[in-house]
Protein backbone atom coordinates (compact mmCIF):
# COMPACT_ATOMS: atom_id res chain seq x y z
CA UNK A 1 -241.45 -3.08 88.07
CA UNK A 2 -238.89 -5.95 87.64
CA UNK A 3 -236.68 -6.08 84.47
CA UNK A 4 -238.37 -9.22 83.19
CA UNK A 5 -241.66 -7.50 83.33
CA UNK A 6 -240.44 -4.88 80.85
CA UNK A 7 -239.85 -6.70 77.47
CA UNK A 8 -238.47 -3.52 75.89
CA UNK A 9 -235.74 -3.27 78.51
CA UNK A 10 -234.82 -6.90 78.10
CA UNK A 11 -234.68 -6.63 74.27
CA UNK A 12 -232.50 -3.49 74.57
CA UNK A 13 -230.11 -5.14 77.01
CA UNK A 14 -229.89 -8.24 74.81
CA UNK A 15 -229.18 -6.12 71.78
CA UNK A 16 -226.34 -4.21 73.58
CA UNK A 17 -224.84 -7.49 74.79
CA UNK A 18 -224.87 -9.10 71.36
CA UNK A 19 -223.44 -5.93 69.70
CA UNK A 20 -220.64 -5.73 72.25
CA UNK A 21 -219.79 -9.42 71.83
CA UNK A 22 -219.83 -9.01 67.97
CA UNK A 23 -217.45 -5.99 68.20
CA UNK A 24 -215.14 -7.83 70.51
CA UNK A 25 -215.10 -10.93 68.22
CA UNK A 26 -214.43 -8.72 65.17
CA UNK A 27 -211.57 -6.98 66.94
CA UNK A 28 -210.14 -10.28 67.82
CA UNK A 29 -210.37 -11.56 64.25
CA UNK A 30 -208.76 -8.39 62.94
CA UNK A 31 -206.00 -8.66 65.49
CA UNK A 32 -205.30 -12.27 64.55
CA UNK A 33 -205.69 -11.81 60.78
CA UNK A 34 -202.71 -9.52 60.37
CA UNK A 35 -200.38 -10.52 57.54
CA UNK A 36 -196.71 -10.62 58.69
CA UNK A 37 -193.67 -10.22 56.42
CA UNK A 38 -190.27 -11.22 57.73
CA UNK A 39 -186.88 -10.64 56.00
CA UNK A 40 -184.07 -12.80 57.39
CA UNK A 41 -180.33 -13.42 57.13
CA UNK A 42 -178.46 -16.30 58.46
CA UNK A 43 -176.28 -19.42 57.91
CA UNK A 44 -176.61 -22.43 55.64
CA UNK A 45 -175.04 -25.81 56.23
CA UNK A 46 -175.64 -28.55 53.72
CA UNK A 47 -174.86 -32.20 53.43
CA UNK A 48 -173.43 -33.83 50.28
CA UNK A 49 -176.01 -33.49 47.53
CA UNK A 50 -174.10 -35.77 45.18
CA UNK A 51 -171.81 -38.70 45.73
CA UNK A 52 -169.79 -41.02 43.53
CA UNK A 53 -167.62 -44.13 43.71
CA UNK A 54 -165.12 -44.47 46.59
CA UNK A 55 -164.57 -41.09 48.34
CA UNK A 56 -165.80 -39.02 45.39
CA UNK A 57 -168.45 -36.50 46.43
CA UNK A 58 -169.73 -33.01 45.52
CA UNK A 59 -169.41 -31.07 48.79
CA UNK A 60 -171.21 -27.79 49.74
CA UNK A 61 -169.44 -25.15 51.70
CA UNK A 62 -171.26 -23.23 54.37
CA UNK A 63 -172.69 -20.02 53.17
CA UNK A 64 -174.75 -16.89 54.07
CA UNK A 65 -178.44 -17.33 53.48
CA UNK A 66 -181.20 -14.81 52.78
CA UNK A 67 -184.95 -15.50 53.26
CA UNK A 68 -188.21 -13.75 52.89
CA UNK A 69 -191.50 -15.13 54.27
CA UNK A 70 -195.17 -14.16 54.53
CA UNK A 71 -197.36 -15.48 57.35
CA UNK A 72 -201.21 -15.52 57.18
CA UNK A 73 -203.23 -16.62 60.27
CA UNK A 74 -206.00 -19.11 59.47
CA UNK A 75 -207.14 -19.99 63.00
CA UNK A 76 -206.22 -19.20 66.51
CA UNK A 77 -202.54 -20.42 67.00
CA UNK A 78 -202.37 -21.69 63.38
CA UNK A 79 -200.90 -19.89 60.38
CA UNK A 80 -199.88 -20.61 56.77
CA UNK A 81 -196.32 -19.52 56.04
CA UNK A 82 -194.92 -19.10 52.52
CA UNK A 83 -191.13 -18.75 52.41
CA UNK A 84 -188.22 -18.44 49.89
CA UNK A 85 -184.48 -18.76 50.72
CA UNK A 86 -181.41 -18.14 48.60
CA UNK A 87 -177.75 -19.00 49.13
CA UNK A 88 -174.58 -19.27 46.99
CA UNK A 89 -172.33 -21.92 48.56
CA UNK A 90 -169.03 -23.01 46.93
CA UNK A 91 -169.15 -26.54 45.61
CA UNK A 92 -166.09 -28.73 45.61
CA UNK A 93 -165.59 -31.99 43.81
CA UNK A 94 -163.56 -34.10 46.30
CA UNK A 95 -161.90 -37.43 46.07
CA UNK A 96 -160.73 -36.98 42.48
CA UNK A 97 -157.87 -39.33 41.74
CA UNK A 98 -154.45 -37.53 41.51
CA UNK A 99 -156.07 -34.12 42.02
CA UNK A 100 -157.77 -34.42 45.40
CA UNK A 101 -160.38 -31.67 45.11
CA UNK A 102 -161.59 -29.23 42.52
CA UNK A 103 -163.49 -26.06 43.27
CA UNK A 104 -166.64 -25.33 41.43
CA UNK A 105 -167.66 -21.71 41.86
CA UNK A 106 -170.88 -20.30 40.43
CA UNK A 107 -173.42 -22.52 42.25
CA UNK A 108 -176.63 -21.21 43.70
CA UNK A 109 -179.44 -22.70 45.76
CA UNK A 110 -183.12 -21.76 46.01
CA UNK A 111 -185.63 -23.17 48.45
CA UNK A 112 -189.34 -22.43 48.52
CA UNK A 113 -192.14 -23.89 50.59
CA UNK A 114 -195.58 -23.48 52.04
CA UNK A 115 -195.91 -24.65 55.67
CA UNK A 116 -198.55 -24.92 58.39
CA UNK A 117 -197.23 -23.28 61.64
CA UNK A 118 -198.53 -23.83 65.13
CA UNK A 119 -197.55 -21.24 67.80
CA UNK A 120 -197.93 -20.91 71.51
CA UNK A 121 -197.66 -17.63 73.55
CA UNK A 122 -195.42 -17.67 76.62
CA UNK A 123 -197.18 -15.49 79.22
CA UNK A 124 -200.24 -13.34 79.17
CA UNK A 125 -198.73 -9.89 78.42
CA UNK A 126 -200.17 -7.73 75.52
CA UNK A 127 -197.23 -8.80 73.43
CA UNK A 128 -195.84 -12.10 74.62
CA UNK A 129 -192.92 -14.06 73.20
CA UNK A 130 -194.15 -17.03 71.24
CA UNK A 131 -192.66 -20.39 70.33
CA UNK A 132 -193.59 -22.19 67.15
CA UNK A 133 -193.10 -25.29 65.10
CA UNK A 134 -193.88 -25.84 61.43
CA UNK A 135 -194.00 -28.44 58.66
CA UNK A 136 -194.40 -27.93 55.00
CA UNK A 137 -193.46 -28.99 51.50
CA UNK A 138 -191.95 -27.16 48.57
CA UNK A 139 -189.07 -27.20 46.15
CA UNK A 140 -185.28 -27.15 46.20
CA UNK A 141 -183.47 -25.90 43.19
CA UNK A 142 -179.73 -25.92 42.35
CA UNK A 143 -177.97 -24.27 39.50
CA UNK A 144 -174.27 -24.27 38.60
CA UNK A 145 -172.41 -22.69 35.74
CA UNK A 146 -168.64 -23.21 35.77
CA UNK A 147 -165.82 -25.21 34.11
CA UNK A 148 -164.13 -28.40 35.33
CA UNK A 149 -160.83 -29.52 33.86
CA UNK A 150 -161.43 -27.31 30.87
CA UNK A 151 -164.95 -28.60 30.20
CA UNK A 152 -167.95 -26.37 30.64
CA UNK A 153 -170.35 -27.47 33.36
CA UNK A 154 -173.96 -26.19 33.12
CA UNK A 155 -176.55 -27.89 35.31
CA UNK A 156 -179.77 -27.05 37.12
CA UNK A 157 -182.67 -29.03 38.54
CA UNK A 158 -185.74 -28.55 40.83
CA UNK A 159 -186.67 -31.27 43.27
CA UNK A 160 -189.33 -31.85 45.87
CA UNK A 161 -188.36 -30.91 49.47
CA UNK A 162 -189.83 -31.51 52.89
CA UNK A 163 -189.40 -28.46 55.15
CA UNK A 164 -189.32 -28.64 58.99
CA UNK A 165 -188.84 -25.66 61.28
CA UNK A 166 -189.03 -24.30 64.81
CA UNK A 167 -188.31 -20.95 66.46
CA UNK A 168 -189.09 -17.96 68.54
CA UNK A 169 -191.14 -14.82 67.87
CA UNK A 170 -189.99 -11.78 70.02
CA UNK A 171 -192.20 -8.62 69.75
CA UNK A 172 -190.36 -5.29 70.03
CA UNK A 173 -193.32 -3.00 69.18
CA UNK A 174 -196.92 -2.95 68.09
CA UNK A 175 -196.13 -4.00 64.49
CA UNK A 176 -192.45 -4.99 64.76
CA UNK A 177 -190.76 -8.10 66.06
CA UNK A 178 -187.72 -10.35 65.80
CA UNK A 179 -188.04 -13.98 64.54
CA UNK A 180 -185.42 -16.56 65.17
CA UNK A 181 -185.90 -19.68 63.04
CA UNK A 182 -184.12 -23.02 62.58
CA UNK A 183 -185.08 -24.90 59.49
CA UNK A 184 -184.28 -28.21 57.75
CA UNK A 185 -184.94 -28.75 54.06
CA UNK A 186 -184.83 -32.51 53.19
CA UNK A 187 -184.51 -33.11 49.45
CA UNK A 188 -183.33 -35.83 47.02
CA UNK A 189 -181.31 -34.18 44.29
CA UNK A 190 -181.07 -35.56 40.73
CA UNK A 191 -177.80 -36.39 39.14
CA UNK A 192 -175.72 -33.69 37.42
CA UNK A 193 -175.71 -34.78 33.85
CA UNK A 194 -172.18 -33.50 33.02
CA UNK A 195 -170.70 -35.46 35.97
CA UNK A 196 -172.41 -38.80 35.24
CA UNK A 197 -169.25 -40.03 33.51
CA UNK A 198 -167.46 -39.80 36.95
CA UNK A 199 -170.19 -41.83 38.55
CA UNK A 200 -171.61 -38.83 40.48
CA UNK A 201 -175.19 -39.45 41.63
CA UNK A 202 -177.71 -37.45 43.55
CA UNK A 203 -178.87 -38.47 46.99
CA UNK A 204 -181.17 -37.42 49.76
CA UNK A 205 -179.57 -34.68 51.94
CA UNK A 206 -180.35 -32.25 54.79
CA UNK A 207 -179.91 -28.56 54.32
CA UNK A 208 -179.86 -26.74 57.74
CA UNK A 209 -180.60 -23.09 58.07
CA UNK A 210 -180.31 -20.73 61.12
CA UNK A 211 -182.06 -17.45 60.44
CA UNK A 212 -182.77 -14.25 62.34
CA UNK A 213 -185.05 -11.64 60.85
CA UNK A 214 -187.19 -8.53 61.31
CA UNK A 215 -191.00 -9.08 61.24
CA UNK A 216 -193.50 -6.48 60.21
CA UNK A 217 -197.21 -6.78 60.70
CA UNK A 218 -199.79 -5.18 58.40
């Protein structure tokens, strides 16, 4: 008797195919829905956040940066990434008449953003290297506590920031990997109140980050 003449056999075969497909789909979803945490260290380079009349400006030195991010897949090749970055550059007030420049230690920077990341695997191996790009929005916060010419300087502000990034994901095990990330925070900073008398005003600036970190999947 042919298979199509035996309804029970057809139903059983259909059930097995549907069950197998569902199990494969569920396994794929589970594989792609892993949350990833990445701790990174790197290098921060920032433009002048504040400028004044003539050559007066508030410069930022290059500094070490520390970052932590969580990545949650939302669709094949797309993820939401939430990140926070901290650095403590030395600020210098430059172009001061008669004095040249004045160091302002005690500054800190915080950046936080939520971004949409698109990634593409290179190759068809079980654990391929991937390239990715991302765009997001968040906040940039500065705080400084120091003294200038005998006067106490206390300032802090939080401003909107646009965050752009691109990088590589390199797997080194089933749940471990290395992530290399380049990032640009674009923010317009407000004026430091205690420096308004010198004509120092905030401006839009780029903060560039180069980070390398260890990624763990859960």
